[in-house]
Amino acid sequence: MIHIFEVTGMTCNHCERAITQAILQSDPQAEIKIDRAINQVEVQSQQSHEVLTQTIEQEGYVVVS
């Protein structure tokens, strides 16, 4: 399943790595695409949208949608 999130607070490569690593800890098989220019994180994962939202927010970022 593909999940698309609008995430604020991503400003650099470190931000991308932090989000990517957190998601991969939750689902090692996840495929992640991050576009900071439009604040978008796209995740292909079997995890629920809620779990992925919590994972991103636990890293200190805000999931808008």
PDB file of N, CA and C in Angstrom:
ATOM      1  N   MET A   1       0.829  -1.168   0.000  1.00  0.00           N
ATOM      2  CA  MET A   1       0.000   0.000   0.000  1.00  0.00           C
ATOM      3  C   MET A   1       0.889   1.253   0.000  1.00  0.00           C
ATOM      4  N   ILE A   2       0.494   2.252  -0.763  1.00  0.00           N
ATOM      5  CA  ILE A   2       1.256   3.501  -0.837  1.00  0.00           C
ATOM      6  C   ILE A   2       0.586   4.544   0.054  1.00  0.00           C
ATOM      7  N   HIS A   3       1.408   5.150   0.904  1.00  0.00           N
ATOM      8  CA  HIS A   3       0.957   6.203   1.808  1.00  0.00           C
ATOM      9  C   HIS A   3       1.682   7.486   1.428  1.00  0.00           C
ATOM     10  N   ILE A   4       0.958   8.594   1.365  1.00  0.00           N
ATOM     11  CA  ILE A   4       1.568   9.883   1.052  1.00  0.00           C
ATOM     12  C   ILE A   4       1.300  10.827   2.221  1.00  0.00           C
ATOM     13  N   PHE A   5       2.381  11.447   2.702  1.00  0.00           N
ATOM     14  CA  PHE A   5       2.304  12.348   3.841  1.00  0.00           C
ATOM     15  C   PHE A   5       2.835  13.716   3.463  1.00  0.00           C
ATOM     16  N   GLU A   6       2.205  14.752   3.978  1.00  0.00           N
ATOM     17  CA  GLU A   6       2.779  16.092   3.922  1.00  0.00           C
ATOM     18  C   GLU A   6       3.453  16.298   5.272  1.00  0.00           C
ATOM     19  N   VAL A   7       4.768  16.501   5.244  1.00  0.00           N
ATOM     20  CA  VAL A   7       5.558  16.571   6.468  1.00  0.00           C
ATOM     21  C   VAL A   7       6.303  17.898   6.509  1.00  0.00           C
ATOM     22  N   THR A   8       6.109  18.659   7.592  1.00  0.00           N
ATOM     23  CA  THR A   8       6.818  19.914   7.732  1.00  0.00           C
ATOM     24  C   THR A   8       8.021  19.733   8.656  1.00  0.00           C
ATOM     25  N   GLY A   9       8.995  20.586   8.464  1.00  0.00           N
ATOM     26  CA  GLY A   9      10.183  20.561   9.302  1.00  0.00           C
ATOM     27  C   GLY A   9      11.386  19.884   8.666  1.00  0.00           C
ATOM     28  N   MET A  10      11.220  19.323   7.484  1.00  0.00           N
ATOM     29  CA  MET A  10      12.348  18.686   6.792  1.00  0.00           C
ATOM     30  C   MET A  10      13.154  19.779   6.092  1.00  0.00           C
ATOM     31  N   THR A  11      14.411  19.961   6.493  1.00  0.00           N
ATOM     32  CA  THR A  11      15.209  21.045   5.920  1.00  0.00           C
ATOM     33  C   THR A  11      16.514  20.585   5.283  1.00  0.00           C
ATOM     34  N   CYS A  12      16.905  19.317   5.514  1.00  0.00           N
ATOM     35  CA  CYS A  12      18.222  18.901   5.031  1.00  0.00           C
ATOM     36  C   CYS A  12      18.275  17.387   4.814  1.00  0.00           C
ATOM     37  N   ASN A  13      19.435  16.931   4.351  1.00  0.00           N
ATOM     38  CA  ASN A  13      19.627  15.496   4.135  1.00  0.00           C
ATOM     39  C   ASN A  13      19.519  14.710   5.432  1.00  0.00           C
ATOM     40  N   HIS A  14      19.965  15.313   6.538  1.00  0.00           N
ATOM     41  CA  HIS A  14      19.851  14.625   7.825  1.00  0.00           C
ATOM     42  C   HIS A  14      18.383  14.329   8.143  1.00  0.00           C
ATOM     43  N   CYS A  15      17.515  15.272   7.861  1.00  0.00           N
ATOM     44  CA  CYS A  15      16.083  15.077   8.092  1.00  0.00           C
ATOM     45  C   CYS A  15      15.573  13.883   7.286  1.00  0.00           C
ATOM     46  N   GLU A  16      15.958  13.828   6.034  1.00  0.00           N
ATOM     47  CA  GLU A  16      15.544  12.722   5.174  1.00  0.00           C
ATOM     48  C   GLU A  16      16.036  11.391   5.727  1.00  0.00           C
ATOM     49  N   ARG A  17      17.309  11.357   6.159  1.00  0.00           N
ATOM     50  CA  ARG A  17      17.875  10.116   6.708  1.00  0.00           C
ATOM     51  C   ARG A  17      17.154   9.703   7.980  1.00  0.00           C
ATOM     52  N   ALA A  18      16.857  10.660   8.845  1.00  0.00           N
ATOM     53  CA  ALA A  18      16.187  10.353  10.104  1.00  0.00           C
ATOM     54  C   ALA A  18      14.813   9.731   9.858  1.00  0.00           C
ATOM     55  N   ILE A  19      14.063  10.316   8.956  1.00  0.00           N
ATOM     56  CA  ILE A  19      12.737   9.789   8.632  1.00  0.00           C
ATOM     57  C   ILE A  19      12.861   8.419   7.975  1.00  0.00           C
ATOM     58  N   THR A  20      13.768   8.293   7.028  1.00  0.00           N
ATOM     59  CA  THR A  20      13.961   7.026   6.326  1.00  0.00           C
ATOM     60  C   THR A  20      14.342   5.913   7.296  1.00  0.00           C
ATOM     61  N   GLN A  21      15.306   6.168   8.152  1.00  0.00           N
ATOM     62  CA  GLN A  21      15.752   5.149   9.100  1.00  0.00           C
ATOM     63  C   GLN A  21      14.644   4.754  10.068  1.00  0.00           C
ATOM     64  N   ALA A  22      13.872   5.719  10.530  1.00  0.00           N
ATOM     65  CA  ALA A  22      12.770   5.417  11.446  1.00  0.00           C
ATOM     66  C   ALA A  22      11.728   4.525  10.777  1.00  0.00           C
ATOM     67  N   ILE A  23      11.384   4.849   9.538  1.00  0.00           N
ATOM     68  CA  ILE A  23      10.396   4.041   8.818  1.00  0.00           C
ATOM     69  C   ILE A  23      10.941   2.638   8.568  1.00  0.00           C
ATOM     70  N   LEU A  24      12.205   2.536   8.190  1.00  0.00           N
ATOM     71  CA  LEU A  24      12.793   1.217   7.933  1.00  0.00           C
ATOM     72  C   LEU A  24      12.890   0.371   9.197  1.00  0.00           C
ATOM     73  N   GLN A  25      13.000   0.990  10.357  1.00  0.00           N
ATOM     74  CA  GLN A  25      12.972   0.228  11.603  1.00  0.00           C
ATOM     75  C   GLN A  25      11.586  -0.356  11.831  1.00  0.00           C
ATOM     76  N   SER A  26      10.572   0.379  11.429  1.00  0.00           N
ATOM     77  CA  SER A  26       9.194  -0.076  11.566  1.00  0.00           C
ATOM     78  C   SER A  26       8.850  -1.129  10.515  1.00  0.00           C
ATOM     79  N   ASP A  27       9.379  -0.940   9.304  1.00  0.00           N
ATOM     80  CA  ASP A  27       9.122  -1.874   8.195  1.00  0.00           C
ATOM     81  C   ASP A  27      10.360  -1.928   7.301  1.00  0.00           C
ATOM     82  N   PRO A  28      11.226  -2.927   7.504  1.00  0.00           N
ATOM     83  CA  PRO A  28      12.471  -3.026   6.731  1.00  0.00           C
ATOM     84  C   PRO A  28      12.261  -3.163   5.222  1.00  0.00           C
ATOM     85  N   GLN A  29      11.075  -3.551   4.805  1.00  0.00           N
ATOM     86  CA  GLN A  29      10.785  -3.730   3.386  1.00  0.00           C
ATOM     87  C   GLN A  29      10.207  -2.476   2.736  1.00  0.00           C
ATOM     88  N   ALA A  30      10.007  -1.427   3.503  1.00  0.00           N
ATOM     89  CA  ALA A  30       9.371  -0.206   2.994  1.00  0.00           C
ATOM     90  C   ALA A  30      10.221   0.450   1.903  1.00  0.00           C
ATOM     91  N   GLU A  31       9.543   1.054   0.948  1.00  0.00           N
ATOM     92  CA  GLU A  31      10.185   1.861  -0.086  1.00  0.00           C
ATOM     93  C   GLU A  31       9.770   3.308   0.173  1.00  0.00           C
ATOM     94  N   ILE A  32      10.764   4.192   0.251  1.00  0.00           N
ATOM     95  CA  ILE A  32      10.510   5.563   0.682  1.00  0.00           C
ATOM     96  C   ILE A  32      11.044   6.551  -0.338  1.00  0.00           C
ATOM     97  N   LYS A  33      10.220   7.538  -0.679  1.00  0.00           N
ATOM     98  CA  LYS A  33      10.634   8.636  -1.549  1.00  0.00           C
ATOM     99  C   LYS A  33      10.311   9.929  -0.810  1.00  0.00           C
ATOM    100  N   ILE A  34      11.305  10.804  -0.690  1.00  0.00           N
ATOM    101  CA  ILE A  34      11.108  12.066   0.010  1.00  0.00           C
ATOM    102  C   ILE A  34      11.425  13.219  -0.936  1.00  0.00           C
ATOM    103  N   ASP A  35      10.516  14.183  -0.994  1.00  0.00           N
ATOM    104  CA  ASP A  35      10.712  15.388  -1.795  1.00  0.00           C
ATOM    105  C   ASP A  35      10.553  16.590  -0.860  1.00  0.00           C
ATOM    106  N   ARG A  36      11.682  17.101  -0.375  1.00  0.00           N
ATOM    107  CA  ARG A  36      11.645  18.236   0.554  1.00  0.00           C
ATOM    108  C   ARG A  36      11.041  19.482  -0.065  1.00  0.00           C
ATOM    109  N   ALA A  37      11.203  19.656  -1.364  1.00  0.00           N
ATOM    110  CA  ALA A  37      10.711  20.863  -2.035  1.00  0.00           C
ATOM    111  C   ALA A  37       9.200  21.018  -1.875  1.00  0.00           C
ATOM    112  N   ILE A  38       8.497  19.916  -1.795  1.00  0.00           N
ATOM    113  CA  ILE A  38       7.037  19.979  -1.630  1.00  0.00           C
ATOM    114  C   ILE A  38       6.590  19.348  -0.308  1.00  0.00           C
ATOM    115  N   ASN A  39       7.557  19.091   0.591  1.00  0.00           N
ATOM    116  CA  ASN A  39       7.266  18.523   1.919  1.00  0.00           C
ATOM    117  C   ASN A  39       6.515  17.196   1.842  1.00  0.00           C
ATOM    118  N   GLN A  40       6.902  16.347   0.901  1.00  0.00           N
ATOM    119  CA  GLN A  40       6.177  15.097   0.705  1.00  0.00           C
ATOM    120  C   GLN A  40       7.035  13.885   1.016  1.00  0.00           C
ATOM    121  N   VAL A  41       6.435  12.960   1.743  1.00  0.00           N
ATOM    122  CA  VAL A  41       7.047  11.660   2.003  1.00  0.00           C
ATOM    123  C   VAL A  41       6.085  10.610   1.476  1.00  0.00           C
ATOM    124  N   GLU A  42       6.578   9.790   0.551  1.00  0.00           N
ATOM    125  CA  GLU A  42       5.774   8.713  -0.014  1.00  0.00           C
ATOM    126  C   GLU A  42       6.365   7.396   0.462  1.00  0.00           C
ATOM    127  N   VAL A  43       5.526   6.548   1.038  1.00  0.00           N
ATOM    128  CA  VAL A  43       5.992   5.289   1.600  1.00  0.00           C
ATOM    129  C   VAL A  43       5.159   4.147   1.061  1.00  0.00           C
ATOM    130  N   GLN A  44       5.837   3.158   0.498  1.00  0.00           N
ATOM    131  CA  GLN A  44       5.155   1.926   0.130  1.00  0.00           C
ATOM    132  C   GLN A  44       5.463   0.940   1.240  1.00  0.00           C
ATOM    133  N   SER A  45       4.411   0.541   1.980  1.00  0.00           N
ATOM    134  CA  SER A  45       4.609  -0.260   3.180  1.00  0.00           C
ATOM    135  C   SER A  45       3.337  -1.019   3.519  1.00  0.00           C
ATOM    136  N   GLN A  46       3.511  -2.104   4.258  1.00  0.00           N
ATOM    137  CA  GLN A  46       2.364  -2.849   4.769  1.00  0.00           C
ATOM    138  C   GLN A  46       1.893  -2.284   6.111  1.00  0.00           C
ATOM    139  N   GLN A  47       2.681  -1.359   6.689  1.00  0.00           N
ATOM    140  CA  GLN A  47       2.279  -0.723   7.942  1.00  0.00           C
ATOM    141  C   GLN A  47       1.060   0.167   7.698  1.00  0.00           C
ATOM    142  N   SER A  48       0.290   0.403   8.747  1.00  0.00           N
ATOM    143  CA  SER A  48      -0.879   1.269   8.620  1.00  0.00           C
ATOM    144  C   SER A  48      -0.444   2.737   8.524  1.00  0.00           C
ATOM    145  N   HIS A  49      -1.334   3.548   8.010  1.00  0.00           N
ATOM    146  CA  HIS A  49      -1.071   4.982   7.879  1.00  0.00           C
ATOM    147  C   HIS A  49      -0.806   5.588   9.260  1.00  0.00           C
ATOM    148  N   GLU A  50      -1.562   5.137  10.247  1.00  0.00           N
ATOM    149  CA  GLU A  50      -1.422   5.658  11.613  1.00  0.00           C
ATOM    150  C   GLU A  50      -0.057   5.326  12.197  1.00  0.00           C
ATOM    151  N   VAL A  51       0.407   4.095  12.004  1.00  0.00           N
ATOM    152  CA  VAL A  51       1.720   3.693  12.528  1.00  0.00           C
ATOM    153  C   VAL A  51       2.822   4.510  11.869  1.00  0.00           C
ATOM    154  N   LEU A  52       2.738   4.701  10.562  1.00  0.00           N
ATOM    155  CA  LEU A  52       3.746   5.479   9.849  1.00  0.00           C
ATOM    156  C   LEU A  52       3.717   6.948  10.287  1.00  0.00           C
ATOM    157  N   THR A  53       2.533   7.480  10.502  1.00  0.00           N
ATOM    158  CA  THR A  53       2.416   8.860  10.992  1.00  0.00           C
ATOM    159  C   THR A  53       3.111   8.996  12.341  1.00  0.00           C
ATOM    160  N   GLN A  54       2.835   8.081  13.249  1.00  0.00           N
ATOM    161  CA  GLN A  54       3.460   8.115  14.575  1.00  0.00           C
ATOM    162  C   GLN A  54       4.976   7.983  14.470  1.00  0.00           C
ATOM    163  N   THR A  55       5.441   7.138  13.577  1.00  0.00           N
ATOM    164  CA  THR A  55       6.875   6.929  13.392  1.00  0.00           C
ATOM    165  C   THR A  55       7.549   8.228  12.962  1.00  0.00           C
ATOM    166  N   ILE A  56       6.948   8.930  12.004  1.00  0.00           N
ATOM    167  CA  ILE A  56       7.508  10.195  11.517  1.00  0.00           C
ATOM    168  C   ILE A  56       7.460  11.251  12.622  1.00  0.00           C
ATOM    169  N   GLU A  57       6.344  11.324  13.320  1.00  0.00           N
ATOM    170  CA  GLU A  57       6.191  12.340  14.368  1.00  0.00           C
ATOM    171  C   GLU A  57       7.130  12.097  15.549  1.00  0.00           C
ATOM    172  N   GLN A  58       7.450  10.852  15.836  1.00  0.00           N
ATOM    173  CA  GLN A  58       8.378  10.531  16.917  1.00  0.00           C
ATOM    174  C   GLN A  58       9.792  11.043  16.612  1.00  0.00           C
ATOM    175  N   GLU A  59      10.072  11.287  15.342  1.00  0.00           N
ATOM    176  CA  GLU A  59      11.372  11.850  14.945  1.00  0.00           C
ATOM    177  C   GLU A  59      11.382  13.370  15.064  1.00  0.00           C
ATOM    178  N   GLY A  60      10.246  13.951  15.422  1.00  0.00           N
ATOM    179  CA  GLY A  60      10.195  15.392  15.651  1.00  0.00           C
ATOM    180  C   GLY A  60       9.625  16.199  14.495  1.00  0.00           C
ATOM    181  N   TYR A  61       9.005  15.540  13.543  1.00  0.00           N
ATOM    182  CA  TYR A  61       8.427  16.223  12.382  1.00  0.00           C
ATOM    183  C   TYR A  61       6.912  16.246  12.512  1.00  0.00           C
ATOM    184  N   VAL A  62       6.275  17.178  11.822  1.00  0.00           N
ATOM    185  CA  VAL A  62       4.820  17.319  11.883  1.00  0.00           C
ATOM    186  C   VAL A  62       4.219  16.764  10.600  1.00  0.00           C
ATOM    187  N   VAL A  63       3.301  15.824  10.760  1.00  0.00           N
ATOM    188  CA  VAL A  63       2.573  15.280   9.622  1.00  0.00           C
ATOM    189  C   VAL A  63       1.288  16.068   9.499  1.00  0.00           C
ATOM    190  N   VAL A  64       1.188  16.813   8.397  1.00  0.00           N
ATOM    191  CA  VAL A  64       0.018  17.660   8.174  1.00  0.00           C
ATOM    192  C   VAL A  64      -1.137  16.842   7.627  1.00  0.00           C
ATOM    193  N   SER A  65      -0.831  15.930   6.718  1.00  0.00           N
ATOM    194  CA  SER A  65      -1.878  15.072   6.169  1.00  0.00           C
ATOM    195  C   SER A  65      -1.280  13.769   5.702  1.00  0.00           C
TER     196      SER A  65
END
